[in-house]
Protein backbone atom coordinates (compact mmCIF):
# COMPACT_ATOMS: atom_id res chain seq x y z
CA MET A 1 -18.06 3.56 -57.06
CA LYS A 2 -15.21 5.82 -58.14
CA ILE A 3 -15.70 5.03 -61.81
CA ALA A 4 -19.46 5.50 -61.45
CA ARG A 5 -18.87 8.94 -59.86
CA LEU A 6 -16.85 10.02 -62.97
CA CYS A 7 -18.73 8.18 -65.87
CA ILE A 8 -22.37 8.73 -64.89
CA PRO A 9 -22.11 12.52 -64.38
CA PHE A 10 -20.09 12.78 -67.53
CA PHE A 11 -22.61 10.98 -69.71
CA LEU A 12 -25.52 12.72 -68.05
CA GLY A 13 -23.92 16.16 -68.71
CA TYR A 14 -22.93 15.08 -72.22
CA PHE A 15 -26.59 14.25 -73.18
CA LEU A 16 -28.35 16.93 -71.06
CA TYR A 17 -26.25 19.76 -72.43
CA ALA A 18 -26.61 18.56 -75.97
CA MET A 19 -30.39 18.38 -75.50
CA ILE A 20 -30.47 21.87 -73.94
CA GLU A 21 -28.60 23.24 -77.02
CA ILE A 22 -30.83 21.39 -79.50
CA VAL A 23 -34.01 22.73 -77.80
CA ALA A 24 -32.57 26.32 -77.51
CA ARG A 25 -30.68 26.63 -80.83
CA GLY A 26 -31.96 23.74 -82.93
CA TYR A 27 -28.55 22.04 -83.09
CA THR A 28 -25.38 21.33 -81.19
CA HIS A 29 -21.75 20.41 -81.83
CA TRP A 30 -19.88 17.34 -80.49
CA THR A 31 -17.42 19.61 -78.70
CA MET A 32 -20.28 21.13 -76.70
CA ALA A 33 -21.54 17.67 -75.71
CA LEU A 34 -18.07 16.76 -74.46
CA THR A 35 -17.79 20.10 -72.61
CA GLY A 36 -21.19 19.48 -71.03
CA GLY A 37 -19.98 16.10 -69.79
CA ILE A 38 -16.76 17.48 -68.36
CA VAL A 39 -18.57 20.43 -66.75
CA LEU A 40 -21.27 18.35 -65.07
CA THR A 41 -18.61 16.01 -63.74
CA MET A 42 -16.78 18.93 -62.21
CA LEU A 43 -20.04 20.43 -60.81
CA PHE A 44 -20.92 17.00 -59.41
CA HIS A 45 -17.71 16.98 -57.40
CA LEU A 46 -18.10 20.58 -56.43
CA PHE A 47 -21.62 20.28 -55.13
CA ASN A 48 -21.11 16.93 -53.42
CA GLY A 49 -17.68 17.83 -51.97
CA ALA A 50 -18.37 21.37 -50.81
CA PRO A 51 -17.78 21.98 -47.11
CA GLN A 52 -21.00 21.98 -45.09
CA LYS A 53 -20.45 25.65 -44.15
CA MET A 54 -19.97 26.91 -47.76
CA PRO A 55 -23.04 28.99 -48.71
CA VAL A 56 -25.02 27.55 -51.55
CA SER A 57 -24.82 30.90 -53.37
CA LEU A 58 -21.00 30.53 -53.35
CA GLN A 59 -21.34 27.06 -54.79
CA TYR A 60 -23.41 28.57 -57.61
CA LEU A 61 -20.81 31.28 -58.15
CA LEU A 62 -18.00 28.70 -58.33
CA GLY A 63 -20.12 26.66 -60.67
CA ALA A 64 -20.65 29.61 -62.95
CA ILE A 65 -16.89 30.28 -62.92
CA ILE A 66 -16.21 26.62 -63.83
CA ILE A 67 -18.71 26.70 -66.70
CA THR A 68 -17.52 30.06 -68.01
CA SER A 69 -13.88 28.93 -67.78
CA ALA A 70 -14.67 25.75 -69.70
CA GLU A 71 -16.63 27.80 -72.30
CA LEU A 72 -13.55 30.12 -72.71
CA LEU A 73 -11.05 27.34 -73.05
CA VAL A 74 -13.15 25.36 -75.50
CA GLY A 75 -14.15 28.46 -77.38
CA LEU A 76 -10.52 29.59 -77.82
CA TRP A 77 -9.72 26.15 -79.15
CA VAL A 78 -12.70 25.38 -81.39
CA ASN A 79 -13.59 28.83 -82.53
CA ARG A 80 -10.32 30.67 -82.57
CA GLN A 81 -7.79 28.00 -83.14
CA MET A 82 -9.71 25.50 -85.28
CA HIS A 83 -12.07 28.10 -86.84
CA TRP A 84 -15.14 25.87 -86.50
CA GLY A 85 -17.48 28.74 -85.64
CA VAL A 86 -19.51 26.83 -83.03
CA TRP A 87 -20.62 30.07 -81.28
CA ASP A 88 -19.81 33.75 -81.30
CA TYR A 89 -20.85 36.24 -78.58
CA SER A 90 -19.21 39.22 -80.32
CA ASP A 91 -22.59 40.94 -80.63
CA LEU A 92 -23.26 40.73 -76.86
CA PRO A 93 -22.13 43.45 -74.41
CA PHE A 94 -19.31 42.63 -71.98
CA ASN A 95 -17.98 39.67 -74.11
CA PHE A 96 -14.36 38.51 -74.20
CA ARG A 97 -13.16 37.75 -77.71
CA GLY A 98 -16.69 36.56 -78.62
CA GLN A 99 -16.16 33.41 -76.51
CA ILE A 100 -17.68 34.28 -73.17
CA SER A 101 -20.05 37.02 -72.08
CA LEU A 102 -21.30 38.37 -68.77
CA LEU A 103 -24.89 37.59 -69.83
CA TYR A 104 -24.09 33.89 -70.26
CA SER A 105 -22.12 33.85 -66.99
CA VAL A 106 -25.19 35.07 -65.22
CA PHE A 107 -27.22 32.40 -67.00
CA TRP A 108 -24.67 29.74 -65.89
CA PHE A 109 -25.09 30.93 -62.26
CA PHE A 110 -28.80 30.25 -62.42
CA LEU A 111 -28.33 27.01 -64.35
CA CYS A 112 -26.32 25.84 -61.36
CA ILE A 113 -29.47 25.78 -59.23
CA PRO A 114 -31.07 22.76 -61.02
CA ALA A 115 -27.63 21.36 -61.71
CA ARG A 116 -26.98 21.21 -57.96
CA ILE A 117 -30.22 19.45 -57.28
CA ILE A 118 -29.46 16.91 -60.05
CA CYS A 119 -25.95 16.33 -58.70
CA LEU A 120 -27.08 15.88 -55.09
CA LYS A 121 -29.83 13.43 -56.16
CA LEU A 122 -27.45 11.61 -58.45
CA ASP A 123 -24.91 11.17 -55.65
CA HIS A 124 -27.60 9.89 -53.32
CA PHE A 125 -28.62 7.38 -56.04
CA LEU A 126 -24.97 6.31 -56.64
CA VAL A 127 -24.37 5.80 -52.91
CA LYS A 128 -27.39 3.54 -52.68
CA LYS A 129 -26.65 1.70 -55.93
CA PHE A 130 -22.87 1.31 -55.52
CA PRO A 131 -22.11 1.36 -51.80
CA SER A 132 -18.36 1.49 -50.97
């Protein structure tokens, strides 16, 4: 069960985020697929491990912070250090070094709504499929 709770969210995030990028931009980069897998795994554990009393809106905010932080770390590595030019938000207002922007952080907040639903349903499936 522990391996399934790591691997399945990772591969689901890997493929879902790559598909979102391909639909939205027409292409993706392997580093974004990896980041999508890591991020969905983190969100899976956030949404399924959140205390009962934690407001859902706070879970979405924490999810947006997780996604934005991952985007910053990966962006500083792939775009600034490696010079691969995967994305550049320099033309957007309220950006930080072209790697993150307030606009996308708000988008990540709202993306956490369906992500939470997916994570909760996936956990329910995993508990049924792989009981402890």
